[in-house]
Protein backbone atom coordinates (compact mmCIF):
# COMPACT_ATOMS: atom_id res chain seq x y z
CA UNK A 1 -53.70 76.90 58.83
CA UNK A 2 -51.70 80.03 59.58
CA UNK A 3 -51.31 82.75 56.96
CA UNK A 4 -47.52 82.18 56.83
CA UNK A 5 -48.08 78.50 55.96
CA UNK A 6 -50.45 79.43 53.12
CA UNK A 7 -47.89 81.91 51.78
CA UNK A 8 -45.14 79.25 51.88
CA UNK A 9 -47.25 76.62 50.13
CA UNK A 10 -48.40 79.06 47.45
CA UNK A 11 -44.80 80.13 46.77
CA UNK A 12 -43.59 76.53 46.62
CA UNK A 13 -46.33 75.71 44.11
CA UNK A 14 -45.38 78.70 41.94
CA UNK A 15 -41.71 77.71 42.02
CA UNK A 16 -42.52 74.15 40.99
CA UNK A 17 -44.64 75.24 38.00
CA UNK A 18 -42.01 77.73 36.84
CA UNK A 19 -39.13 75.26 37.09
CA UNK A 20 -40.98 72.60 35.13
CA UNK A 21 -41.74 75.17 32.43
CA UNK A 22 -38.21 76.56 32.12
CA UNK A 23 -36.62 73.10 32.24
CA UNK A 24 -38.68 72.01 29.24
CA UNK A 25 -37.71 75.17 27.33
CA UNK A 26 -33.99 74.81 28.04
CA UNK A 27 -33.81 71.12 27.21
CA UNK A 28 -35.68 71.75 23.96
CA UNK A 29 -33.26 74.59 23.22
CA UNK A 30 -30.27 72.31 23.94
CA UNK A 31 -31.68 69.67 21.58
CA UNK A 32 -32.23 72.21 18.79
CA UNK A 33 -28.88 73.98 19.13
CA UNK A 34 -26.53 71.26 20.35
CA UNK A 35 -25.24 73.72 22.97
CA UNK A 36 -23.34 72.05 25.82
CA UNK A 37 -23.81 74.99 28.17
CA UNK A 38 -27.54 75.11 27.46
CA UNK A 39 -27.76 71.37 28.09
CA UNK A 40 -25.95 71.82 31.41
CA UNK A 41 -28.30 74.65 32.29
CA UNK A 42 -31.29 72.49 31.38
CA UNK A 43 -30.03 69.71 33.65
CA UNK A 44 -29.43 72.30 36.36
CA UNK A 45 -33.03 73.43 35.99
CA UNK A 46 -34.09 69.80 36.22
CA UNK A 47 -32.51 69.69 39.67
CA UNK A 48 -34.50 72.83 40.51
CA UNK A 49 -37.68 70.95 39.61
CA UNK A 50 -36.80 68.39 42.24
CA UNK A 51 -35.92 71.21 44.64
CA UNK A 52 -39.27 72.91 44.08
CA UNK A 53 -41.14 69.63 44.50
CA UNK A 54 -39.35 68.96 47.79
CA UNK A 55 -40.14 72.50 48.95
CA UNK A 56 -43.80 72.12 48.01
CA UNK A 57 -44.12 68.86 49.95
CA UNK A 58 -42.00 69.90 52.93
CA UNK A 59 -43.62 73.26 53.70
CA UNK A 60 -46.98 71.49 53.88
CA UNK A 61 -45.69 68.61 56.01
CA UNK A 62 -43.66 70.81 58.36
CA UNK A 63 -46.65 73.06 59.08
CA UNK A 64 -48.61 70.15 60.58
CA UNK A 65 -49.44 70.81 64.26
CA UNK A 66 -47.74 68.86 67.06
CA UNK A 67 -49.22 65.46 67.88
CA UNK A 68 -48.75 62.75 70.48
CA UNK A 69 -45.73 61.23 68.74
CA UNK A 70 -44.24 64.59 67.69
CA UNK A 71 -44.87 66.96 70.62
CA UNK A 72 -42.35 69.49 69.25
CA UNK A 73 -44.07 69.65 65.86
CA UNK A 74 -42.71 68.75 62.43
CA UNK A 75 -40.40 71.69 61.74
CA UNK A 76 -37.35 69.48 61.16
CA UNK A 77 -38.97 68.22 57.96
CA UNK A 78 -38.36 71.63 56.45
CA UNK A 79 -34.69 71.57 57.48
CA UNK A 80 -34.14 68.04 56.18
CA UNK A 81 -35.79 69.02 52.91
CA UNK A 82 -33.36 71.92 52.52
CA UNK A 83 -30.48 69.52 53.26
CA UNK A 84 -31.65 67.05 50.63
CA UNK A 85 -31.96 69.83 48.04
CA UNK A 86 -28.38 70.90 48.74
CA UNK A 87 -27.10 67.33 48.38
CA UNK A 88 -28.90 66.97 45.05
CA UNK A 89 -27.31 70.21 43.85
CA UNK A 90 -23.86 68.95 44.90
CA UNK A 91 -24.32 65.68 42.98
CA UNK A 92 -25.43 67.68 39.96
CA UNK A 93 -22.26 69.79 40.21
CA UNK A 94 -20.11 66.65 40.15
CA UNK A 95 -22.01 65.31 37.13
CA UNK A 96 -21.77 68.53 35.12
CA UNK A 97 -18.05 68.84 35.81
CA UNK A 98 -17.46 65.37 34.36
CA UNK A 99 -19.58 66.10 31.28
CA UNK A 100 -17.96 69.50 30.73
CA UNK A 101 -14.41 68.14 30.89
CA UNK A 102 -15.34 65.36 28.50
CA UNK A 103 -16.93 67.78 26.02
CA UNK A 104 -14.03 70.20 26.28
CA UNK A 105 -11.71 67.74 24.59
CA UNK A 106 -14.08 67.37 21.67
CA UNK A 107 -14.90 69.99 19.06
CA UNK A 108 -18.43 71.10 19.95
CA UNK A 109 -20.71 72.40 17.24
CA UNK A 110 -23.53 74.78 18.04
CA UNK A 111 -26.31 75.48 15.52
CA UNK A 112 -29.35 77.77 15.62
CA UNK A 113 -27.64 79.98 18.19
CA UNK A 114 -30.36 82.65 17.93
CA UNK A 115 -32.98 80.16 19.14
CA UNK A 116 -30.90 79.43 22.21
CA UNK A 117 -30.36 83.15 22.86
CA UNK A 118 -34.08 83.94 22.74
CA UNK A 119 -34.94 81.09 25.08
CA UNK A 120 -32.26 82.02 27.61
CA UNK A 121 -33.23 85.72 27.65
CA UNK A 122 -36.89 84.84 28.17
CA UNK A 123 -36.12 82.38 30.99
CA UNK A 124 -33.76 84.86 32.68
CA UNK A 125 -36.31 87.67 32.79
CA UNK A 126 -39.14 85.40 33.93
CA UNK A 127 -36.85 83.79 36.50
CA UNK A 128 -36.01 87.16 38.02
CA UNK A 129 -39.69 87.92 38.56
CA UNK A 130 -40.38 84.51 40.08
CA UNK A 131 -37.34 84.71 42.37
CA UNK A 132 -38.49 88.06 43.77
CA UNK A 133 -41.87 86.56 44.65
CA UNK A 134 -40.38 83.44 46.27
CA UNK A 135 -37.85 85.49 48.28
CA UNK A 136 -40.65 87.62 49.72
CA UNK A 137 -42.61 84.50 50.67
CA UNK A 138 -39.52 82.90 52.24
CA UNK A 139 -38.97 86.02 54.37
CA UNK A 140 -42.60 86.13 55.49
CA UNK A 141 -42.85 82.42 56.31
CA UNK A 142 -39.31 81.82 57.58
CA UNK A 143 -39.23 78.51 55.67
CA UNK A 144 -35.71 77.11 55.28
CA UNK A 145 -36.79 74.98 52.31
CA UNK A 146 -38.07 78.09 50.52
CA UNK A 147 -34.87 79.96 51.38
CA UNK A 148 -32.93 77.08 49.88
CA UNK A 149 -35.18 77.25 46.84
CA UNK A 150 -34.47 80.97 46.46
CA UNK A 151 -30.75 80.14 46.37
CA UNK A 152 -31.46 77.63 43.63
CA UNK A 153 -33.28 80.31 41.64
CA UNK A 154 -30.51 82.86 42.25
CA UNK A 155 -27.90 80.40 41.01
CA UNK A 156 -30.14 79.65 38.06
CA UNK A 157 -30.28 83.35 37.20
CA UNK A 158 -26.49 83.68 37.26
CA UNK A 159 -25.91 80.50 35.28
CA UNK A 160 -28.50 81.58 32.70
CA UNK A 161 -26.58 84.81 32.22
CA UNK A 162 -23.41 82.75 31.85
CA UNK A 163 -25.05 80.61 29.18
CA UNK A 164 -26.14 83.79 27.43
CA UNK A 165 -22.53 85.03 27.39
CA UNK A 166 -21.29 81.65 26.12
CA UNK A 167 -23.81 81.67 23.28
CA UNK A 168 -22.94 85.27 22.36
CA UNK A 169 -19.24 84.36 22.20
CA UNK A 170 -20.11 81.39 20.02
CA UNK A 171 -22.28 83.54 17.75
CA UNK A 172 -19.81 86.38 17.21
CA UNK A 173 -16.53 84.47 17.19
CA UNK A 174 -15.10 81.22 15.93
CA UNK A 175 -14.15 80.08 19.45
CA UNK A 176 -16.57 77.22 20.13
CA UNK A 177 -15.05 76.16 23.43
CA UNK A 178 -17.02 78.78 25.36
CA UNK A 179 -19.77 76.18 25.81
CA UNK A 180 -17.81 73.42 27.62
CA UNK A 181 -15.68 75.98 29.46
CA UNK A 182 -18.74 77.60 30.95
CA UNK A 183 -20.11 74.16 31.80
CA UNK A 184 -17.03 73.57 33.94
CA UNK A 185 -17.32 76.98 35.62
CA UNK A 186 -20.99 76.25 36.27
CA UNK A 187 -20.14 73.02 38.05
CA UNK A 188 -17.61 74.79 40.30
CA UNK A 189 -20.14 77.46 41.22
CA UNK A 190 -22.86 74.90 41.93
CA UNK A 191 -20.49 72.88 44.09
CA UNK A 192 -19.60 75.94 46.16
CA UNK A 193 -23.25 76.95 46.60
CA UNK A 194 -24.34 73.45 47.55
CA UNK A 195 -21.62 73.11 50.22
CA UNK A 196 -22.76 76.38 51.84
CA UNK A 197 -26.37 75.17 51.83
CA UNK A 198 -25.38 71.81 53.32
CA UNK A 199 -23.46 73.55 56.10
CA UNK A 200 -26.39 75.77 57.01
CA UNK A 201 -28.90 72.90 56.99
CA UNK A 202 -26.58 70.73 59.07
CA UNK A 203 -26.34 73.50 61.68
CA UNK A 204 -30.11 73.38 62.11
CA UNK A 205 -30.18 69.59 62.26
CA UNK A 206 -27.72 69.60 65.19
CA UNK A 207 -29.60 72.47 66.89
CA UNK A 208 -27.16 75.32 66.52
CA UNK A 209 -28.22 78.39 68.50
CA UNK A 210 -30.30 81.09 66.82
CA UNK A 211 -28.77 84.12 65.13
CA UNK A 212 -26.75 86.53 67.35
CA UNK A 213 -29.16 89.40 66.61
CA UNK A 214 -32.11 87.32 67.79
CA UNK A 215 -30.18 86.20 70.86
CA UNK A 216 -29.44 89.83 71.67
CA UNK A 217 -33.15 90.66 71.37
CA UNK A 218 -33.91 88.04 74.03
CA UNK A 219 -31.34 89.55 76.38
CA UNK A 220 -32.76 93.03 75.84
CA UNK A 221 -36.26 91.85 76.77
CA UNK A 222 -35.02 90.39 80.05
CA UNK A 223 -32.88 93.46 80.77
CA UNK A 224 -36.04 95.58 80.77
CA UNK A 225 -37.44 93.67 83.76
CA UNK A 226 -36.36 95.56 86.93
CA UNK A 227 -37.46 92.75 89.27
CA UNK A 228 -35.41 90.11 87.47
CA UNK A 229 -32.26 89.46 89.49
CA UNK A 230 -30.45 87.37 86.86
CA UNK A 231 -30.84 84.52 84.40
CA UNK A 232 -28.82 81.48 83.32
CA UNK A 233 -28.97 78.32 81.20
CA UNK A 234 -30.25 80.29 78.20
CA UNK A 235 -30.62 77.83 75.33
CA UNK A 236 -31.99 78.42 71.85
CA UNK A 237 -32.50 76.48 68.63
CA UNK A 238 -34.41 76.44 65.36
CA UNK A 239 -36.83 73.84 64.07
CA UNK A 240 -38.02 74.77 60.60
CA UNK A 241 -39.28 78.33 60.91
CA UNK A 242 -39.89 78.02 64.68
CA UNK A 243 -37.62 79.39 67.41
CA UNK A 244 -37.32 77.45 70.67
CA UNK A 245 -36.03 79.21 73.79
CA UNK A 246 -35.63 77.97 77.35
CA UNK A 247 -34.01 79.82 80.23
CA UNK A 248 -33.82 79.88 84.03
CA UNK A 249 -34.59 83.18 85.73
CA UNK A 250 -33.75 84.18 89.31
CA UNK A 251 -36.39 86.12 91.28
CA UNK A 252 -36.47 87.48 94.87
CA UNK A 253 -36.59 84.66 97.38
CA UNK A 254 -39.54 86.16 99.27
CA UNK A 255 -41.75 86.25 96.17
CA UNK A 256 -44.85 84.09 96.00
CA UNK A 257 -45.34 81.47 93.32
CA UNK A 258 -47.88 83.77 91.67
CA UNK A 259 -45.39 86.64 91.41
CA UNK A 260 -42.72 84.41 89.90
CA UNK A 261 -45.22 82.97 87.45
CA UNK A 262 -46.42 86.41 86.36
CA UNK A 263 -42.87 87.57 85.63
CA UNK A 264 -42.02 84.39 83.73
CA UNK A 265 -45.24 84.62 81.74
CA UNK A 266 -44.54 88.25 80.82
CA UNK A 267 -41.02 87.42 79.61
CA UNK A 268 -42.24 84.38 77.67
CA UNK A 269 -44.87 86.42 75.84
CA UNK A 270 -42.35 89.16 75.06
CA UNK A 271 -39.82 86.71 73.60
CA UNK A 272 -42.45 84.81 71.61
CA UNK A 273 -43.79 88.05 70.15
CA UNK A 274 -40.28 89.24 69.24
CA UNK A 275 -39.20 85.97 67.56
CA UNK A 276 -42.60 84.96 66.22
CA UNK A 277 -43.14 82.09 65.58
CA UNK A 278 -41.51 80.95 68.82
CA UNK A 279 -42.04 78.86 71.93
CA UNK A 280 -40.36 80.03 75.12
CA UNK A 281 -40.17 78.00 78.33
CA UNK A 282 -38.95 79.57 81.58
CA UNK A 283 -37.96 77.92 84.85
CA UNK A 284 -38.15 80.12 87.93
CA UNK A 285 -35.38 79.91 90.56
CA UNK A 286 -35.49 81.77 93.91
CA UNK A 287 -32.44 83.81 94.85
CA UNK A 288 -30.21 82.47 97.62
CA UNK A 289 -30.59 85.58 99.75
CA UNK A 290 -33.57 87.64 100.82
CA UNK A 291 -33.56 90.94 98.92
CA UNK A 292 -35.59 92.97 101.39
């Protein structure tokens, strides 16, 4: 197993443990205080538990080596996992919006506000530390599922701060509608975030080309080869954390097969090292005219 896969699995495990822990705390806090916003945040964290579980399973499954039935590997598992997480988050946003609107037309009563405040502050600080660790692992491994999980944690941080504000307003004023109002704002934010995540995951499912900066790096590598006449049919895509590149290069017509192979091999190794992890396949075409 590669080091990047171990990093991804370790981070996914940490995220899962943390989300289970904070979900229990927030739901207990919601039960003790009767806070609508804290209940919404607890349910949001519950969706993060599912997200972390999916990440934990997917990063392990997607790192499996290619086999006879899956010659291109299992990287799409990671992408599909990220897509499923985003869909779950979207459904949660719809649910919380319905609950928030319903509660808004009732007179909510919040008790033991201090208990809720302590729990939210603790979860927010701990969440910030965990998110920093997961983000670093996502960057090192290139896992889309972990990147999606980082977005979940980032949203969780912001919503926790929102709950904190709602509870402070409730504590120091007689306006008790801060709870359901924030629940509605939370659902709008979650809906927006989930749609962005769905769009990104869908792009990978339909094999959208790699990032422009990475594409430019490929072109720069080929531009450094003085014997390369031209290239065409450059195609790129992602599969999980892997980059796939294939391109046709044009070499002098009088070159031997060995010379063409050596140039193609040199370019392939350069691209794979630049985009690591990556697989580059090059087809060699002779020029139409003799160059000498």
